[in-house]
Structure formats: structure tokens, C-alpha cells
Amino acid sequence: MNIRGILFDLDDTLIPSEKLYRLGLQAAHRRLRREVHLAWPAFLQLYGEARALIKSRLGSCPAARNRMLYFKQLVELALGSSRPRLALEVMNAFNRCWRSIDASETRRVAARLARRYHLGIITNQMALMQLQKMERLDPRGKWFKVLVTAEEVGVEKPGLPIYLLACHRMGIPADKILLVGNSWKSDVRGGLRAGMQVAYMCPGKPPAHMPYRTFHVPSLKALAIRMLG
């Protein structure tokens, strides 16, 4: 394969973000419920409405993923006016979910891979949120030397600029980089378009037809076995 560097997607590739987001929403709900009676289903519905409003205004802009904007809008919908302190406290409650990150397996795999390859992360989320996750995963940047977020580029995956910046920061040509991710659109198509080789990481059986320069792995452990032998 002649690979020199490995770029990872972060969410649901290196850490189980969807489970963590659920924990965060539950904590945010508990904080908001101290101000206004709102059952869990009603909270989820209101959060969905707030999220949809922000996304409708911002479109494909990376800031459309900003949870702070979601919770600010949610508080305004729930109470009928701006409540800055409450919006911040709801956001802080959500952020406590990162304490639940169990990164032990990811650290073990990263430590092994980093002996042979340059490692980095390329992600569509906001820089602050991803730094909070990385503080739990690799706080000193011991293994992952590069972190590129869509927010700092202004373009999300599968847009080409975010991949080009990642290659530049790693100092490695795209064709010598393996992109590892769980999204067919953002990771597989985006990585191939950028000229990288791609490992599509998802549990279960691989797709019937894998594109050229692409292979399937069910887990990080399986990736380490394939890349290290």
C-alpha cells in the first residue's frame, strides 16, 4: 500500500459520539427542566426544531453544527425570550458527556499505529467540541499530531479543501495517506476524490462492491491487524 500517514474521522470512528450526544442531551434536559416543565419527548422535539431552524439559516456552513446555537435557540423557543446565562448552563450540562468517553481501546490502537505511521484527524464538527473530545482521547497530542476541523477551513467533508489542508499539515502527499471513516459520503467519496486510499470502517459485512483503492474494516482493532500484520 505504501502508506505513510493515516487520517481518521473522529465521530463514531474513534469515539462513540452518538451515544455521548444522547447523554449530553439528557443532562441538558435536566438543567432546562429546573426552569420550565418540559418532558423528555417534548424537549427532544423542541431541540429538533431549534436545530432545524439553525440549519435552515446556515445551510452547509460548518457553524450549522454548533450546539451552542442549538441550545440558545432552544431556550428562546422554550421561554419566549433570550436567557444568556441559562443557554450557557444548558450547553455546559451537555458538555459533561465527554467525561463518559472510554478511549482505552482507541489509545491502544493509536499507540501501536503511531510507531509506524503519522496519525491525524479530519472532522466536520466545531473546533471547541472536537478539542473537548480529544482532551479525553489524546490530550498532549502524543499520537495524533494533526487535527483539522471543518470550522477552521470553512468547508465540510467531502469538500476538497479540508483534505488538502490535512495533507499539507501532515506533510504527506494524498496518495500516501489512508483515510479511515464510517461515512460513505464524507469519508469514502471525499477521501477518494482527494486522491487518498480509504478504509471504510463499519461493523458487519462489507458492501458488495468496494471502489478501487478502498477496503473494509469492521473495527479499529481489525484496522491495526491489517496495517501492522
C-alpha atoms as a PDB file:
ATOM      1  CA  MET A   1       0.000   0.000   0.000  1.00  0.00           C
ATOM      2  CA  ASN A   2       2.986   2.347   0.554  1.00  0.00           C
ATOM      3  CA  ILE A   3       1.092   4.294   3.217  1.00  0.00           C
ATOM      4  CA  ARG A   4       2.969   6.864   5.324  1.00  0.00           C
ATOM      5  CA  GLY A   5       0.098   8.554   7.159  1.00  0.00           C
ATOM      6  CA  ILE A   6      -3.368   7.675   8.450  1.00  0.00           C
ATOM      7  CA  LEU A   7      -6.152  10.259   8.767  1.00  0.00           C
ATOM      8  CA  PHE A   8      -9.106   9.322  10.944  1.00  0.00           C
ATOM      9  CA  ASP A   9     -12.617  10.623  11.115  1.00  0.00           C
ATOM     10  CA  LEU A  10     -13.338  11.273  14.814  1.00  0.00           C
ATOM     11  CA  ASP A  11     -17.050  10.801  15.499  1.00  0.00           C
ATOM     12  CA  ASP A  12     -18.228   7.190  15.586  1.00  0.00           C
ATOM     13  CA  THR A  13     -14.868   6.142  14.167  1.00  0.00           C
ATOM     14  CA  LEU A  14     -12.568   6.793  17.127  1.00  0.00           C
ATOM     15  CA  ILE A  15     -15.216   7.502  19.775  1.00  0.00           C
ATOM     16  CA  PRO A  16     -18.946   6.560  20.024  1.00  0.00           C
ATOM     17  CA  SER A  17     -20.243  10.096  19.586  1.00  0.00           C
ATOM     18  CA  GLU A  18     -23.933   9.338  19.040  1.00  0.00           C
ATOM     19  CA  LYS A  19     -24.150   7.619  22.439  1.00  0.00           C
ATOM     20  CA  LEU A  20     -22.330  10.536  24.050  1.00  0.00           C
ATOM     21  CA  TYR A  21     -24.630  13.094  22.408  1.00  0.00           C
ATOM     22  CA  ARG A  22     -27.600  11.265  23.911  1.00  0.00           C
ATOM     23  CA  LEU A  23     -26.047  11.508  27.382  1.00  0.00           C
ATOM     24  CA  GLY A  24     -25.367  15.183  26.793  1.00  0.00           C
ATOM     25  CA  LEU A  25     -28.943  15.888  25.757  1.00  0.00           C
ATOM     26  CA  GLN A  26     -30.232  14.141  28.868  1.00  0.00           C
ATOM     27  CA  ALA A  27     -28.021  16.372  31.031  1.00  0.00           C
ATOM     28  CA  ALA A  28     -29.131  19.470  29.111  1.00  0.00           C
ATOM     29  CA  HIS A  29     -32.759  18.468  29.636  1.00  0.00           C
ATOM     30  CA  ARG A  30     -32.248  18.117  33.390  1.00  0.00           C
ATOM     31  CA  ARG A  31     -30.799  21.630  33.564  1.00  0.00           C
ATOM     32  CA  LEU A  32     -33.544  23.206  31.480  1.00  0.00           C
ATOM     33  CA  ARG A  33     -36.253  21.381  33.436  1.00  0.00           C
ATOM     34  CA  ARG A  34     -35.263  23.384  36.531  1.00  0.00           C
ATOM     35  CA  GLU A  35     -36.556  26.484  34.739  1.00  0.00           C
ATOM     36  CA  VAL A  36     -39.503  25.175  32.759  1.00  0.00           C
ATOM     37  CA  HIS A  37     -41.512  21.960  32.974  1.00  0.00           C
ATOM     38  CA  LEU A  38     -40.659  20.071  29.804  1.00  0.00           C
ATOM     39  CA  ALA A  39     -40.995  16.298  29.474  1.00  0.00           C
ATOM     40  CA  TRP A  40     -38.227  14.399  27.674  1.00  0.00           C
ATOM     41  CA  PRO A  41     -40.206  13.814  24.434  1.00  0.00           C
ATOM     42  CA  ALA A  42     -41.187  17.491  24.326  1.00  0.00           C
ATOM     43  CA  PHE A  43     -37.575  18.512  24.950  1.00  0.00           C
ATOM     44  CA  LEU A  44     -36.356  16.338  22.076  1.00  0.00           C
ATOM     45  CA  GLN A  45     -38.999  17.808  19.790  1.00  0.00           C
ATOM     46  CA  LEU A  46     -38.048  21.365  20.748  1.00  0.00           C
ATOM     47  CA  TYR A  47     -34.354  20.584  20.324  1.00  0.00           C
ATOM     48  CA  GLY A  48     -35.113  19.191  16.874  1.00  0.00           C
ATOM     49  CA  GLU A  49     -36.993  22.357  15.959  1.00  0.00           C
ATOM     50  CA  ALA A  50     -34.155  24.574  17.206  1.00  0.00           C
ATOM     51  CA  ARG A  51     -31.586  22.515  15.305  1.00  0.00           C
ATOM     52  CA  ALA A  52     -33.664  22.644  12.115  1.00  0.00           C
ATOM     53  CA  LEU A  53     -34.016  26.437  12.381  1.00  0.00           C
ATOM     54  CA  ILE A  54     -30.259  26.928  12.702  1.00  0.00           C
ATOM     55  CA  LYS A  55     -29.521  24.583   9.821  1.00  0.00           C
ATOM     56  CA  SER A  56     -32.119  26.281   7.613  1.00  0.00           C
ATOM     57  CA  ARG A  57     -30.400  29.631   8.207  1.00  0.00           C
ATOM     58  CA  LEU A  58     -26.802  28.478   7.837  1.00  0.00           C
ATOM     59  CA  GLY A  59     -27.133  25.746   5.222  1.00  0.00           C
ATOM     60  CA  SER A  60     -23.872  23.875   4.582  1.00  0.00           C
ATOM     61  CA  CYS A  61     -21.776  26.292   6.653  1.00  0.00           C
ATOM     62  CA  PRO A  62     -19.822  24.341   9.321  1.00  0.00           C
ATOM     63  CA  ALA A  63     -21.318  26.623  12.006  1.00  0.00           C
ATOM     64  CA  ALA A  64     -24.640  24.892  11.322  1.00  0.00           C
ATOM     65  CA  ARG A  65     -23.331  22.099  13.598  1.00  0.00           C
ATOM     66  CA  ASN A  66     -22.739  24.433  16.559  1.00  0.00           C
ATOM     67  CA  ARG A  67     -24.607  23.061  19.598  1.00  0.00           C
ATOM     68  CA  MET A  68     -24.332  26.410  21.348  1.00  0.00           C
ATOM     69  CA  LEU A  69     -26.542  27.882  18.634  1.00  0.00           C
ATOM     70  CA  TYR A  70     -28.987  24.992  19.050  1.00  0.00           C
ATOM     71  CA  PHE A  71     -29.286  25.495  22.808  1.00  0.00           C
ATOM     72  CA  LYS A  72     -29.542  29.289  22.522  1.00  0.00           C
ATOM     73  CA  GLN A  73     -32.423  28.820  20.066  1.00  0.00           C
ATOM     74  CA  LEU A  74     -33.988  26.089  22.221  1.00  0.00           C
ATOM     75  CA  VAL A  75     -34.021  28.322  25.318  1.00  0.00           C
ATOM     76  CA  GLU A  76     -35.607  31.132  23.303  1.00  0.00           C
ATOM     77  CA  LEU A  77     -38.296  28.774  21.999  1.00  0.00           C
ATOM     78  CA  ALA A  78     -38.975  27.328  25.450  1.00  0.00           C
ATOM     79  CA  LEU A  79     -39.087  30.626  27.378  1.00  0.00           C
ATOM     80  CA  GLY A  80     -40.039  33.137  24.716  1.00  0.00           C
ATOM     81  CA  SER A  81     -37.022  35.366  25.255  1.00  0.00           C
ATOM     82  CA  SER A  82     -33.235  35.373  25.390  1.00  0.00           C
ATOM     83  CA  ARG A  83     -31.711  33.938  28.583  1.00  0.00           C
ATOM     84  CA  PRO A  84     -27.925  34.034  28.070  1.00  0.00           C
ATOM     85  CA  ARG A  85     -26.919  32.505  31.397  1.00  0.00           C
ATOM     86  CA  LEU A  86     -29.380  29.654  31.065  1.00  0.00           C
ATOM     87  CA  ALA A  87     -28.279  28.926  27.477  1.00  0.00           C
ATOM     88  CA  LEU A  88     -24.666  28.700  28.648  1.00  0.00           C
ATOM     89  CA  GLU A  89     -25.585  26.476  31.596  1.00  0.00           C
ATOM     90  CA  VAL A  90     -27.542  24.124  29.330  1.00  0.00           C
ATOM     91  CA  MET A  91     -24.539  23.965  26.998  1.00  0.00           C
ATOM     92  CA  ASN A  92     -22.210  23.276  29.932  1.00  0.00           C
ATOM     93  CA  ALA A  93     -24.504  20.489  31.107  1.00  0.00           C
ATOM     94  CA  PHE A  94     -24.367  18.926  27.649  1.00  0.00           C
ATOM     95  CA  ASN A  95     -20.571  19.104  27.588  1.00  0.00           C
ATOM     96  CA  ARG A  96     -20.291  16.958  30.701  1.00  0.00           C
ATOM     97  CA  CYS A  97     -20.989  13.948  28.463  1.00  0.00           C
ATOM     98  CA  TRP A  98     -17.337  13.951  27.337  1.00  0.00           C
ATOM     99  CA  ARG A  99     -16.403  12.675  30.799  1.00  0.00           C
ATOM    100  CA  SER A 100     -18.003   9.373  29.781  1.00  0.00           C
ATOM    101  CA  ILE A 101     -15.583   8.777  26.910  1.00  0.00           C
ATOM    102  CA  ASP A 102     -13.844   5.419  27.274  1.00  0.00           C
ATOM    103  CA  ALA A 103     -10.881   5.767  24.938  1.00  0.00           C
ATOM    104  CA  SER A 104      -8.819   2.855  26.217  1.00  0.00           C
ATOM    105  CA  GLU A 105      -9.147   0.702  23.082  1.00  0.00           C
ATOM    106  CA  THR A 106      -8.589   3.669  20.760  1.00  0.00           C
ATOM    107  CA  ARG A 107      -5.461   4.656  22.695  1.00  0.00           C
ATOM    108  CA  ARG A 108      -4.059   1.143  22.441  1.00  0.00           C
ATOM    109  CA  VAL A 109      -4.602   1.050  18.678  1.00  0.00           C
ATOM    110  CA  ALA A 110      -3.247   4.594  18.210  1.00  0.00           C
ATOM    111  CA  ALA A 111      -0.112   3.803  20.227  1.00  0.00           C
ATOM    112  CA  ARG A 112       0.642   0.802  18.013  1.00  0.00           C
ATOM    113  CA  LEU A 113      -0.087   2.563  14.717  1.00  0.00           C
ATOM    114  CA  ALA A 114       1.886   5.682  15.667  1.00  0.00           C
ATOM    115  CA  ARG A 115       5.100   3.623  15.808  1.00  0.00           C
ATOM    116  CA  ARG A 116       4.897   3.171  12.032  1.00  0.00           C
ATOM    117  CA  TYR A 117       2.596   5.889  10.648  1.00  0.00           C
ATOM    118  CA  HIS A 118       1.926   9.594  11.067  1.00  0.00           C
ATOM    119  CA  LEU A 119      -1.583   9.919  12.529  1.00  0.00           C
ATOM    120  CA  GLY A 120      -4.099  12.748  12.179  1.00  0.00           C
ATOM    121  CA  ILE A 121      -7.795  13.554  12.468  1.00  0.00           C
ATOM    122  CA  ILE A 122     -10.120  15.260   9.983  1.00  0.00           C
ATOM    123  CA  THR A 123     -13.594  16.142  11.229  1.00  0.00           C
ATOM    124  CA  ASN A 124     -16.723  18.076  10.316  1.00  0.00           C
ATOM    125  CA  GLN A 125     -17.528  19.337  13.811  1.00  0.00           C
ATOM    126  CA  MET A 126     -16.758  22.587  15.632  1.00  0.00           C
ATOM    127  CA  ALA A 127     -13.183  23.022  16.858  1.00  0.00           C
ATOM    128  CA  LEU A 128     -14.137  23.555  20.521  1.00  0.00           C
ATOM    129  CA  MET A 129     -16.260  20.428  20.693  1.00  0.00           C
ATOM    130  CA  GLN A 130     -13.629  18.284  18.997  1.00  0.00           C
ATOM    131  CA  LEU A 131     -10.889  19.619  21.263  1.00  0.00           C
ATOM    132  CA  GLN A 132     -13.019  18.654  24.266  1.00  0.00           C
ATOM    133  CA  LYS A 133     -13.244  15.118  22.915  1.00  0.00           C
ATOM    134  CA  MET A 134      -9.547  14.988  22.120  1.00  0.00           C
ATOM    135  CA  GLU A 135      -8.743  16.141  25.650  1.00  0.00           C
ATOM    136  CA  ARG A 136     -10.123  12.783  26.764  1.00  0.00           C
ATOM    137  CA  LEU A 137      -8.545  10.786  23.937  1.00  0.00           C
ATOM    138  CA  ASP A 138      -5.063  12.269  23.409  1.00  0.00           C
ATOM    139  CA  PRO A 139      -4.664  15.447  25.495  1.00  0.00           C
ATOM    140  CA  ARG A 140      -0.973  16.016  24.755  1.00  0.00           C
ATOM    141  CA  GLY A 141      -1.103  15.087  21.068  1.00  0.00           C
ATOM    142  CA  LYS A 142       1.122  12.102  21.710  1.00  0.00           C
ATOM    143  CA  TRP A 143      -0.247  10.019  18.836  1.00  0.00           C
ATOM    144  CA  PHE A 144      -2.480  12.272  16.716  1.00  0.00           C
ATOM    145  CA  LYS A 145      -0.190  15.080  15.563  1.00  0.00           C
ATOM    146  CA  VAL A 146      -2.716  16.784  13.263  1.00  0.00           C
ATOM    147  CA  LEU A 147      -6.322  17.832  13.914  1.00  0.00           C
ATOM    148  CA  VAL A 148      -8.255  19.605  11.155  1.00  0.00           C
ATOM    149  CA  THR A 149     -11.841  20.751  11.710  1.00  0.00           C
ATOM    150  CA  ALA A 150     -14.311  21.953   9.115  1.00  0.00           C
ATOM    151  CA  GLU A 151     -14.797  25.130  11.141  1.00  0.00           C
ATOM    152  CA  GLU A 152     -11.219  26.319  10.518  1.00  0.00           C
ATOM    153  CA  VAL A 153     -11.433  25.521   6.804  1.00  0.00           C
ATOM    154  CA  GLY A 154     -14.955  26.797   6.160  1.00  0.00           C
ATOM    155  CA  VAL A 155     -15.801  23.656   4.178  1.00  0.00           C
ATOM    156  CA  GLU A 156     -17.040  20.278   5.416  1.00  0.00           C
ATOM    157  CA  LYS A 157     -16.143  16.841   4.143  1.00  0.00           C
ATOM    158  CA  PRO A 158     -16.498  15.717   1.381  1.00  0.00           C
ATOM    159  CA  GLY A 159     -15.332  19.142   0.167  1.00  0.00           C
ATOM    160  CA  LEU A 160     -11.786  19.009  -1.179  1.00  0.00           C
ATOM    161  CA  PRO A 161     -10.215  21.914   0.794  1.00  0.00           C
ATOM    162  CA  ILE A 162     -10.377  20.177   4.175  1.00  0.00           C
ATOM    163  CA  TYR A 163      -8.494  17.145   2.792  1.00  0.00           C
ATOM    164  CA  LEU A 164      -5.880  19.334   1.137  1.00  0.00           C
ATOM    165  CA  LEU A 165      -5.216  21.205   4.372  1.00  0.00           C
ATOM    166  CA  ALA A 166      -4.864  17.907   6.244  1.00  0.00           C
ATOM    167  CA  CYS A 167      -2.308  16.670   3.695  1.00  0.00           C
ATOM    168  CA  HIS A 168      -0.382  19.934   3.975  1.00  0.00           C
ATOM    169  CA  ARG A 169      -0.263  19.782   7.770  1.00  0.00           C
ATOM    170  CA  MET A 170       0.835  16.158   7.728  1.00  0.00           C
ATOM    171  CA  GLY A 171       3.481  16.906   5.104  1.00  0.00           C
ATOM    172  CA  ILE A 172       2.500  13.782   3.152  1.00  0.00           C
ATOM    173  CA  PRO A 173       1.093  13.501  -0.415  1.00  0.00           C
ATOM    174  CA  ALA A 174      -2.553  12.425  -0.602  1.00  0.00           C
ATOM    175  CA  ASP A 175      -1.719   9.152  -2.356  1.00  0.00           C
ATOM    176  CA  LYS A 176       0.441   8.137   0.623  1.00  0.00           C
ATOM    177  CA  ILE A 177      -2.388   8.707   3.137  1.00  0.00           C
ATOM    178  CA  LEU A 178      -5.071   6.275   4.269  1.00  0.00           C
ATOM    179  CA  LEU A 179      -8.377   7.878   5.256  1.00  0.00           C
ATOM    180  CA  VAL A 180     -10.349   5.886   7.860  1.00  0.00           C
ATOM    181  CA  GLY A 181     -14.018   6.710   8.421  1.00  0.00           C
ATOM    182  CA  ASN A 182     -17.551   5.424   8.830  1.00  0.00           C
ATOM    183  CA  SER A 183     -19.377   7.667   6.356  1.00  0.00           C
ATOM    184  CA  TRP A 184     -19.653   6.555   2.742  1.00  0.00           C
ATOM    185  CA  LYS A 185     -20.333  10.103   1.530  1.00  0.00           C
ATOM    186  CA  SER A 186     -17.961  12.140   3.692  1.00  0.00           C
ATOM    187  CA  ASP A 187     -15.107   9.683   4.146  1.00  0.00           C
ATOM    188  CA  VAL A 188     -15.106   7.198   1.281  1.00  0.00           C
ATOM    189  CA  ARG A 189     -16.152   9.511  -1.542  1.00  0.00           C
ATOM    190  CA  GLY A 190     -14.332  12.504  -0.116  1.00  0.00           C
ATOM    191  CA  GLY A 191     -11.115  10.624   0.545  1.00  0.00           C
ATOM    192  CA  LEU A 192     -11.068   9.045  -2.910  1.00  0.00           C
ATOM    193  CA  ARG A 193     -11.759  12.393  -4.557  1.00  0.00           C
ATOM    194  CA  ALA A 194      -8.768  13.822  -2.686  1.00  0.00           C
ATOM    195  CA  GLY A 195      -6.569  11.018  -4.036  1.00  0.00           C
ATOM    196  CA  MET A 196      -6.263   9.059  -0.809  1.00  0.00           C
ATOM    197  CA  GLN A 197      -6.684   5.388  -0.117  1.00  0.00           C
ATOM    198  CA  VAL A 198      -9.674   4.668   2.102  1.00  0.00           C
ATOM    199  CA  ALA A 199     -10.627   2.228   4.847  1.00  0.00           C
ATOM    200  CA  TYR A 200     -14.402   2.134   5.256  1.00  0.00           C
ATOM    201  CA  MET A 201     -14.992   1.241   8.895  1.00  0.00           C
ATOM    202  CA  CYS A 202     -18.358  -0.262   9.749  1.00  0.00           C
ATOM    203  CA  PRO A 203     -19.380  -3.413  11.623  1.00  0.00           C
ATOM    204  CA  GLY A 204     -20.789  -6.398   9.792  1.00  0.00           C
ATOM    205  CA  LYS A 205     -20.346  -7.446   6.204  1.00  0.00           C
ATOM    206  CA  PRO A 206     -18.647  -5.105   3.718  1.00  0.00           C
ATOM    207  CA  PRO A 207     -20.606  -3.600   0.802  1.00  0.00           C
ATOM    208  CA  ALA A 208     -20.888  -5.875  -2.220  1.00  0.00           C
ATOM    209  CA  HIS A 209     -18.817  -3.544  -4.394  1.00  0.00           C
ATOM    210  CA  MET A 210     -15.933  -1.550  -2.951  1.00  0.00           C
ATOM    211  CA  PRO A 211     -14.337   1.185  -5.085  1.00  0.00           C
ATOM    212  CA  TYR A 212     -10.740   0.900  -6.236  1.00  0.00           C
ATOM    213  CA  ARG A 213      -8.237   1.915  -3.524  1.00  0.00           C
ATOM    214  CA  THR A 214     -10.831   1.163  -0.823  1.00  0.00           C
ATOM    215  CA  PHE A 215     -11.150  -1.676   1.670  1.00  0.00           C
ATOM    216  CA  HIS A 216     -13.479  -2.515   4.542  1.00  0.00           C
ATOM    217  CA  VAL A 217     -12.621  -2.971   8.213  1.00  0.00           C
ATOM    218  CA  PRO A 218     -15.190  -3.743  10.938  1.00  0.00           C
ATOM    219  CA  SER A 219     -13.257  -2.121  13.806  1.00  0.00           C
ATOM    220  CA  LEU A 220     -10.137  -0.240  14.882  1.00  0.00           C
ATOM    221  CA  LYS A 221      -8.613  -3.491  16.107  1.00  0.00           C
ATOM    222  CA  ALA A 222      -9.119  -5.020  12.647  1.00  0.00           C
ATOM    223  CA  LEU A 223      -7.504  -1.952  11.082  1.00  0.00           C
ATOM    224  CA  ALA A 224      -4.421  -2.349  13.290  1.00  0.00           C
ATOM    225  CA  ILE A 225      -4.104  -6.012  12.327  1.00  0.00           C
ATOM    226  CA  ARG A 226      -4.310  -5.146   8.631  1.00  0.00           C
ATOM    227  CA  MET A 227      -1.872  -2.238   8.799  1.00  0.00           C
ATOM    228  CA  LEU A 228       0.663  -3.819  11.149  1.00  0.00           C
ATOM    229  CA  GLY A 229       0.354  -7.513  10.310  1.00  0.00           C
END
